[in-house]
Amino acid sequence: PVPGELAASAHERIDGRGHLLTPGLVNTHHHL
């Protein structure tokens, strides 16, 4: 669980239960 003092000071708390958190993906080559 997130420590209580960090949770209490959050402007937004996102419930991540049932989710996978990863770094954002990096696309190294595109032609938009």
All heavy atoms as atom14 arrays in JSON, in Angstrom:
{
  "sequence": "PVPGELAASAHERIDGRGHLLTPGLVNTHHHL",
  "atom14_mask": [
    [1, 1, 1, 1, 1, 1, 1, 0, 0, 0, 0, 0, 0, 0],
    [1, 1, 1, 1, 1, 1, 1, 0, 0, 0, 0, 0, 0, 0],
    [1, 1, 1, 1, 1, 1, 1, 0, 0, 0, 0, 0, 0, 0],
    [1, 1, 1, 1, 0, 0, 0, 0, 0, 0, 0, 0, 0, 0],
    [1, 1, 1, 1, 1, 1, 1, 1, 1, 0, 0, 0, 0, 0],
    [1, 1, 1, 1, 1, 1, 1, 1, 0, 0, 0, 0, 0, 0],
    [1, 1, 1, 1, 1, 0, 0, 0, 0, 0, 0, 0, 0, 0],
    [1, 1, 1, 1, 1, 0, 0, 0, 0, 0, 0, 0, 0, 0],
    [1, 1, 1, 1, 1, 1, 0, 0, 0, 0, 0, 0, 0, 0],
    [1, 1, 1, 1, 1, 0, 0, 0, 0, 0, 0, 0, 0, 0],
    [1, 1, 1, 1, 1, 1, 1, 1, 1, 1, 0, 0, 0, 0],
    [1, 1, 1, 1, 1, 1, 1, 1, 1, 0, 0, 0, 0, 0],
    [1, 1, 1, 1, 1, 1, 1, 1, 1, 1, 1, 0, 0, 0],
    [1, 1, 1, 1, 1, 1, 1, 1, 0, 0, 0, 0, 0, 0],
    [1, 1, 1, 1, 1, 1, 1, 1, 0, 0, 0, 0, 0, 0],
    [1, 1, 1, 1, 0, 0, 0, 0, 0, 0, 0, 0, 0, 0],
    [1, 1, 1, 1, 1, 1, 1, 1, 1, 1, 1, 0, 0, 0],
    [1, 1, 1, 1, 0, 0, 0, 0, 0, 0, 0, 0, 0, 0],
    [1, 1, 1, 1, 1, 1, 1, 1, 1, 1, 0, 0, 0, 0],
    [1, 1, 1, 1, 1, 1, 1, 1, 0, 0, 0, 0, 0, 0],
    [1, 1, 1, 1, 1, 1, 1, 1, 0, 0, 0, 0, 0, 0],
    [1, 1, 1, 1, 1, 1, 1, 0, 0, 0, 0, 0, 0, 0],
    [1, 1, 1, 1, 1, 1, 1, 0, 0, 0, 0, 0, 0, 0],
    [1, 1, 1, 1, 0, 0, 0, 0, 0, 0, 0, 0, 0, 0],
    [1, 1, 1, 1, 1, 1, 1, 1, 0, 0, 0, 0, 0, 0],
    [1, 1, 1, 1, 1, 1, 1, 0, 0, 0, 0, 0, 0, 0],
    [1, 1, 1, 1, 1, 1, 1, 1, 0, 0, 0, 0, 0, 0],
    [1, 1, 1, 1, 1, 1, 1, 0, 0, 0, 0, 0, 0, 0],
    [1, 1, 1, 1, 1, 1, 1, 1, 1, 1, 0, 0, 0, 0],
    [1, 1, 1, 1, 1, 1, 1, 1, 1, 1, 0, 0, 0, 0],
    [1, 1, 1, 1, 1, 1, 1, 1, 1, 1, 0, 0, 0, 0],
    [1, 1, 1, 1, 1, 1, 1, 1, 0, 0, 0, 0, 0, 0]
  ],
  "atom14_positions": [
    [[0.82, -1.21, 0.0], [0.0, 0.0, 0.0], [0.86, 1.26, 0.0], [1.96, 1.28, 0.56], [-0.82, -0.12, 1.29], [-0.74, -1.55, 1.68], [0.59, -2.04, 1.19], [0.0, 0.0, 0.0], [0.0, 0.0, 0.0], [0.0, 0.0, 0.0], [0.0, 0.0, 0.0], [0.0, 0.0, 0.0], [0.0, 0.0, 0.0], [0.0, 0.0, 0.0]],
    [[0.38, 2.3, -0.62], [1.09, 3.57, -0.61], [1.11, 4.11, 0.82], [0.12, 4.03, 1.54], [0.42, 4.57, -1.57], [-1.02, 4.88, -1.17], [1.22, 5.86, -1.67], [0.0, 0.0, 0.0], [0.0, 0.0, 0.0], [0.0, 0.0, 0.0], [0.0, 0.0, 0.0], [0.0, 0.0, 0.0], [0.0, 0.0, 0.0], [0.0, 0.0, 0.0]],
    [[2.26, 4.61, 1.3], [2.32, 5.17, 2.66], [1.26, 6.24, 2.88], [0.95, 7.03, 1.98], [3.74, 5.75, 2.73], [4.53, 4.92, 1.75], [3.57, 4.62, 0.64], [0.0, 0.0, 0.0], [0.0, 0.0, 0.0], [0.0, 0.0, 0.0], [0.0, 0.0, 0.0], [0.0, 0.0, 0.0], [0.0, 0.0, 0.0], [0.0, 0.0, 0.0]],
    [[0.71, 6.25, 4.09], [-0.41, 7.12, 4.39], [-0.16, 8.58, 4.14], [-1.03, 9.3, 3.63], [0.0, 0.0, 0.0], [0.0, 0.0, 0.0], [0.0, 0.0, 0.0], [0.0, 0.0, 0.0], [0.0, 0.0, 0.0], [0.0, 0.0, 0.0], [0.0, 0.0, 0.0], [0.0, 0.0, 0.0], [0.0, 0.0, 0.0], [0.0, 0.0, 0.0]],
    [[1.03, 9.07, 4.47], [1.3, 10.5, 4.29], [1.35, 10.88, 2.81], [0.97, 12.0, 2.44], [2.62, 10.89, 4.98], [3.89, 10.31, 4.38], [4.23, 8.92, 4.89], [3.36, 8.28, 5.54], [5.37, 8.47, 4.65], [0.0, 0.0, 0.0], [0.0, 0.0, 0.0], [0.0, 0.0, 0.0], [0.0, 0.0, 0.0], [0.0, 0.0, 0.0]],
    [[1.79, 9.94, 1.95], [1.79, 10.22, 0.52], [0.38, 10.2, -0.04], [0.01, 11.04, -0.87], [2.66, 9.19, -0.21], [4.16, 9.23, 0.1], [4.88, 8.1, -0.64], [4.76, 10.57, -0.26], [0.0, 0.0, 0.0], [0.0, 0.0, 0.0], [0.0, 0.0, 0.0], [0.0, 0.0, 0.0], [0.0, 0.0, 0.0], [0.0, 0.0, 0.0]],
    [[-0.42, 9.26, 0.41], [-1.81, 9.19, -0.05], [-2.59, 10.42, 0.4], [-3.38, 10.99, -0.37], [-2.47, 7.93, 0.47], [0.0, 0.0, 0.0], [0.0, 0.0, 0.0], [0.0, 0.0, 0.0], [0.0, 0.0, 0.0], [0.0, 0.0, 0.0], [0.0, 0.0, 0.0], [0.0, 0.0, 0.0], [0.0, 0.0, 0.0], [0.0, 0.0, 0.0]],
    [[-2.36, 10.85, 1.63], [-3.12, 11.97, 2.17], [-2.84, 13.28, 1.45], [-3.7, 14.17, 1.41], [-2.82, 12.11, 3.67], [0.0, 0.0, 0.0], [0.0, 0.0, 0.0], [0.0, 0.0, 0.0], [0.0, 0.0, 0.0], [0.0, 0.0, 0.0], [0.0, 0.0, 0.0], [0.0, 0.0, 0.0], [0.0, 0.0, 0.0], [0.0, 0.0, 0.0]],
    [[-1.64, 13.39, 0.89], [-1.26, 14.65, 0.24], [-1.5, 14.66, -1.26], [-1.12, 15.61, -1.95], [0.22, 14.95, 0.53], [1.03, 13.9, 0.05], [0.0, 0.0, 0.0], [0.0, 0.0, 0.0], [0.0, 0.0, 0.0], [0.0, 0.0, 0.0], [0.0, 0.0, 0.0], [0.0, 0.0, 0.0], [0.0, 0.0, 0.0], [0.0, 0.0, 0.0]],
    [[-2.11, 13.6, -1.78], [-2.32, 13.5, -3.23], [-3.43, 14.42, -3.7], [-4.48, 14.52, -3.08], [-2.63, 12.06, -3.61], [0.0, 0.0, 0.0], [0.0, 0.0, 0.0], [0.0, 0.0, 0.0], [0.0, 0.0, 0.0], [0.0, 0.0, 0.0], [0.0, 0.0, 0.0], [0.0, 0.0, 0.0], [0.0, 0.0, 0.0], [0.0, 0.0, 0.0]],
    [[-3.2, 15.07, -4.82], [-4.26, 15.81, -5.49], [-5.17, 14.86, -6.27], [-6.36, 15.13, -6.45], [-3.68, 16.85, -6.44], [-2.96, 17.96, -5.75], [-1.62, 17.92, -5.45], [-3.41, 19.15, -5.29], [-1.25, 19.04, -4.86], [-2.32, 19.8, -4.75], [0.0, 0.0, 0.0], [0.0, 0.0, 0.0], [0.0, 0.0, 0.0], [0.0, 0.0, 0.0]],
    [[-4.58, 13.76, -6.75], [-5.37, 12.74, -7.46], [-4.82, 11.38, -7.07], [-3.62, 11.15, -7.08], [-5.29, 12.91, -8.97], [-6.13, 11.89, -9.73], [-6.05, 12.05, -11.25], [-5.2, 12.83, -11.72], [-6.83, 11.38, -11.95], [0.0, 0.0, 0.0], [0.0, 0.0, 0.0], [0.0, 0.0, 0.0], [0.0, 0.0, 0.0], [0.0, 0.0, 0.0]],
    [[-5.73, 10.47, -6.72], [-5.34, 9.11, -6.4], [-6.04, 8.18, -7.38], [-7.27, 8.18, -7.49], [-5.71, 8.76, -4.96], [-5.18, 7.41, -4.51], [-5.36, 7.22, -3.01], [-4.88, 5.91, -2.56], [-4.92, 5.5, -1.31], [-5.43, 6.31, -0.36], [-4.47, 4.31, -0.98], [0.0, 0.0, 0.0], [0.0, 0.0, 0.0], [0.0, 0.0, 0.0]],
    [[-5.25, 7.4, -8.1], [-5.77, 6.5, -9.13], [-5.74, 5.07, -8.59], [-4.68, 4.57, -8.19], [-4.93, 6.6, -10.41], [-4.96, 8.04, -10.96], [-5.42, 5.62, -11.46], [-3.99, 8.28, -12.1], [0.0, 0.0, 0.0], [0.0, 0.0, 0.0], [0.0, 0.0, 0.0], [0.0, 0.0, 0.0], [0.0, 0.0, 0.0], [0.0, 0.0, 0.0]],
    [[-6.9, 4.44, -8.58], [-7.01, 3.06, -8.11], [-6.49, 2.13, -9.21], [-7.12, 1.97, -10.26], [-8.47, 2.74, -7.78], [-8.66, 1.34, -7.21], [-7.67, 0.58, -7.12], [-9.81, 1.01, -6.85], [0.0, 0.0, 0.0], [0.0, 0.0, 0.0], [0.0, 0.0, 0.0], [0.0, 0.0, 0.0], [0.0, 0.0, 0.0], [0.0, 0.0, 0.0]],
    [[-5.33, 1.52, -8.95], [-4.7, 0.68, -9.96], [-4.99, -0.8, -9.81], [-4.39, -1.62, -10.52], [0.0, 0.0, 0.0], [0.0, 0.0, 0.0], [0.0, 0.0, 0.0], [0.0, 0.0, 0.0], [0.0, 0.0, 0.0], [0.0, 0.0, 0.0], [0.0, 0.0, 0.0], [0.0, 0.0, 0.0], [0.0, 0.0, 0.0], [0.0, 0.0, 0.0]],
    [[-5.9, -1.19, -8.93], [-6.21, -2.61, -8.77], [-6.72, -3.19, -10.09], [-7.55, -2.58, -10.77], [-7.24, -2.8, -7.67], [-6.69, -2.53, -6.26], [-7.77, -2.6, -5.22], [-8.78, -1.56, -5.42], [-9.87, -1.4, -4.67], [-10.12, -2.25, -3.67], [-10.72, -0.43, -4.93], [0.0, 0.0, 0.0], [0.0, 0.0, 0.0], [0.0, 0.0, 0.0]],
    [[-6.2, -4.38, -10.44], [-6.58, -5.0, -11.7], [-5.89, -4.39, -12.91], [-6.33, -4.61, -14.05], [0.0, 0.0, 0.0], [0.0, 0.0, 0.0], [0.0, 0.0, 0.0], [0.0, 0.0, 0.0], [0.0, 0.0, 0.0], [0.0, 0.0, 0.0], [0.0, 0.0, 0.0], [0.0, 0.0, 0.0], [0.0, 0.0, 0.0], [0.0, 0.0, 0.0]],
    [[-4.79, -3.67, -12.67], [-4.08, -3.01, -13.76], [-2.59, -3.34, -13.72], [-2.03, -3.69, -12.68], [-4.24, -1.49, -13.66], [-5.63, -1.0, -13.93], [-6.66, -1.18, -13.02], [-6.17, -0.32, -14.98], [-7.77, -0.64, -13.52], [-7.49, -0.12, -14.71], [0.0, 0.0, 0.0], [0.0, 0.0, 0.0], [0.0, 0.0, 0.0], [0.0, 0.0, 0.0]],
    [[-1.95, -3.17, -14.87], [-0.51, -3.26, -15.03], [0.02, -1.86, -15.32], [-0.48, -1.19, -16.23], [-0.16, -4.2, -16.18], [1.29, -4.17, -16.71], [2.26, -4.73, -15.66], [1.41, -4.95, -18.02], [0.0, 0.0, 0.0], [0.0, 0.0, 0.0], [0.0, 0.0, 0.0], [0.0, 0.0, 0.0], [0.0, 0.0, 0.0], [0.0, 0.0, 0.0]],
    [[1.03, -1.43, -14.57], [1.65, -0.14, -14.81], [3.04, -0.35, -15.4], [3.86, -1.09, -14.85], [1.77, 0.65, -13.51], [2.31, 2.09, -13.64], [1.29, 2.97, -14.36], [2.65, 2.68, -12.28], [0.0, 0.0, 0.0], [0.0, 0.0, 0.0], [0.0, 0.0, 0.0], [0.0, 0.0, 0.0], [0.0, 0.0, 0.0], [0.0, 0.0, 0.0]],
    [[3.29, 0.28, -16.54], [4.59, 0.21, -17.21], [5.08, 1.62, -17.51], [4.31, 2.58, -17.48], [4.52, -0.57, -18.53], [3.79, 0.21, -19.5], [3.86, -1.93, -18.35], [0.0, 0.0, 0.0], [0.0, 0.0, 0.0], [0.0, 0.0, 0.0], [0.0, 0.0, 0.0], [0.0, 0.0, 0.0], [0.0, 0.0, 0.0], [0.0, 0.0, 0.0]],
    [[6.36, 1.75, -17.83], [6.78, 3.03, -18.41], [6.01, 3.31, -19.7], [5.56, 2.37, -20.37], [8.28, 2.81, -18.7], [8.67, 1.63, -17.87], [7.45, 0.77, -17.77], [0.0, 0.0, 0.0], [0.0, 0.0, 0.0], [0.0, 0.0, 0.0], [0.0, 0.0, 0.0], [0.0, 0.0, 0.0], [0.0, 0.0, 0.0], [0.0, 0.0, 0.0]],
    [[5.86, 4.57, -20.03], [5.29, 4.89, -21.33], [6.15, 4.32, -22.44], [7.38, 4.23, -22.33], [0.0, 0.0, 0.0], [0.0, 0.0, 0.0], [0.0, 0.0, 0.0], [0.0, 0.0, 0.0], [0.0, 0.0, 0.0], [0.0, 0.0, 0.0], [0.0, 0.0, 0.0], [0.0, 0.0, 0.0], [0.0, 0.0, 0.0], [0.0, 0.0, 0.0]],
    [[5.52, 3.89, -23.52], [6.24, 3.26, -24.62], [6.94, 4.31, -25.48], [6.47, 5.45, -25.61], [5.29, 2.44, -25.48], [4.41, 1.43, -24.73], [3.58, 0.61, -25.72], [5.23, 0.52, -23.82], [0.0, 0.0, 0.0], [0.0, 0.0, 0.0], [0.0, 0.0, 0.0], [0.0, 0.0, 0.0], [0.0, 0.0, 0.0], [0.0, 0.0, 0.0]],
    [[8.07, 3.92, -26.06], [8.91, 4.82, -26.86], [8.97, 4.29, -28.29], [9.47, 3.2, -28.54], [10.33, 4.91, -26.26], [11.2, 5.84, -27.11], [10.28, 5.4, -24.81], [0.0, 0.0, 0.0], [0.0, 0.0, 0.0], [0.0, 0.0, 0.0], [0.0, 0.0, 0.0], [0.0, 0.0, 0.0], [0.0, 0.0, 0.0], [0.0, 0.0, 0.0]],
    [[8.44, 5.06, -29.21], [8.43, 4.7, -30.64], [9.65, 5.33, -31.3], [9.74, 6.55, -31.39], [7.14, 5.22, -31.28], [7.01, 4.83, -32.74], [7.94, 4.34, -33.36], [5.84, 5.07, -33.3], [0.0, 0.0, 0.0], [0.0, 0.0, 0.0], [0.0, 0.0, 0.0], [0.0, 0.0, 0.0], [0.0, 0.0, 0.0], [0.0, 0.0, 0.0]],
    [[10.59, 4.51, -31.76], [11.84, 5.04, -32.27], [11.85, 5.31, -33.78], [12.85, 5.8, -34.3], [13.0, 4.08, -31.94], [12.72, 2.79, -32.5], [13.18, 3.96, -30.43], [0.0, 0.0, 0.0], [0.0, 0.0, 0.0], [0.0, 0.0, 0.0], [0.0, 0.0, 0.0], [0.0, 0.0, 0.0], [0.0, 0.0, 0.0], [0.0, 0.0, 0.0]],
    [[10.73, 5.02, -34.48], [10.73, 5.28, -35.93], [9.3, 5.3, -36.44], [8.57, 4.31, -36.33], [11.53, 4.21, -36.67], [11.67, 4.47, -38.15], [12.41, 5.52, -38.66], [11.17, 3.81, -39.22], [12.36, 5.49, -39.99], [11.6, 4.46, -40.35], [0.0, 0.0, 0.0], [0.0, 0.0, 0.0], [0.0, 0.0, 0.0], [0.0, 0.0, 0.0]],
    [[8.92, 6.43, -37.02], [7.59, 6.6, -37.6], [7.72, 7.56, -38.77], [8.72, 8.28, -38.9], [6.64, 7.2, -36.55], [5.19, 6.85, -36.73], [4.57, 6.82, -37.95], [4.23, 6.55, -35.83], [3.3, 6.49, -37.79], [3.07, 6.32, -36.51], [0.0, 0.0, 0.0], [0.0, 0.0, 0.0], [0.0, 0.0, 0.0], [0.0, 0.0, 0.0]],
    [[6.71, 7.55, -39.65], [6.57, 8.57, -40.69], [5.14, 9.09, -40.57], [4.2, 8.54, -41.18], [6.82, 8.0, -42.08], [8.16, 7.37, -42.27], [9.33, 8.1, -42.25], [8.53, 6.07, -42.47], [10.36, 7.29, -42.43], [9.89, 6.05, -42.56], [0.0, 0.0, 0.0], [0.0, 0.0, 0.0], [0.0, 0.0, 0.0], [0.0, 0.0, 0.0]],
    [[4.95, 10.1, -39.77], [3.6, 10.53, -39.42], [2.79, 10.99, -40.62], [1.58, 10.74, -40.7], [3.67, 11.66, -38.38], [4.22, 11.26, -37.0], [4.44, 12.51, -36.15], [3.27, 10.29, -36.28], [0.0, 0.0, 0.0], [0.0, 0.0, 0.0], [0.0, 0.0, 0.0], [0.0, 0.0, 0.0], [0.0, 0.0, 0.0], [0.0, 0.0, 0.0]]
  ]
}
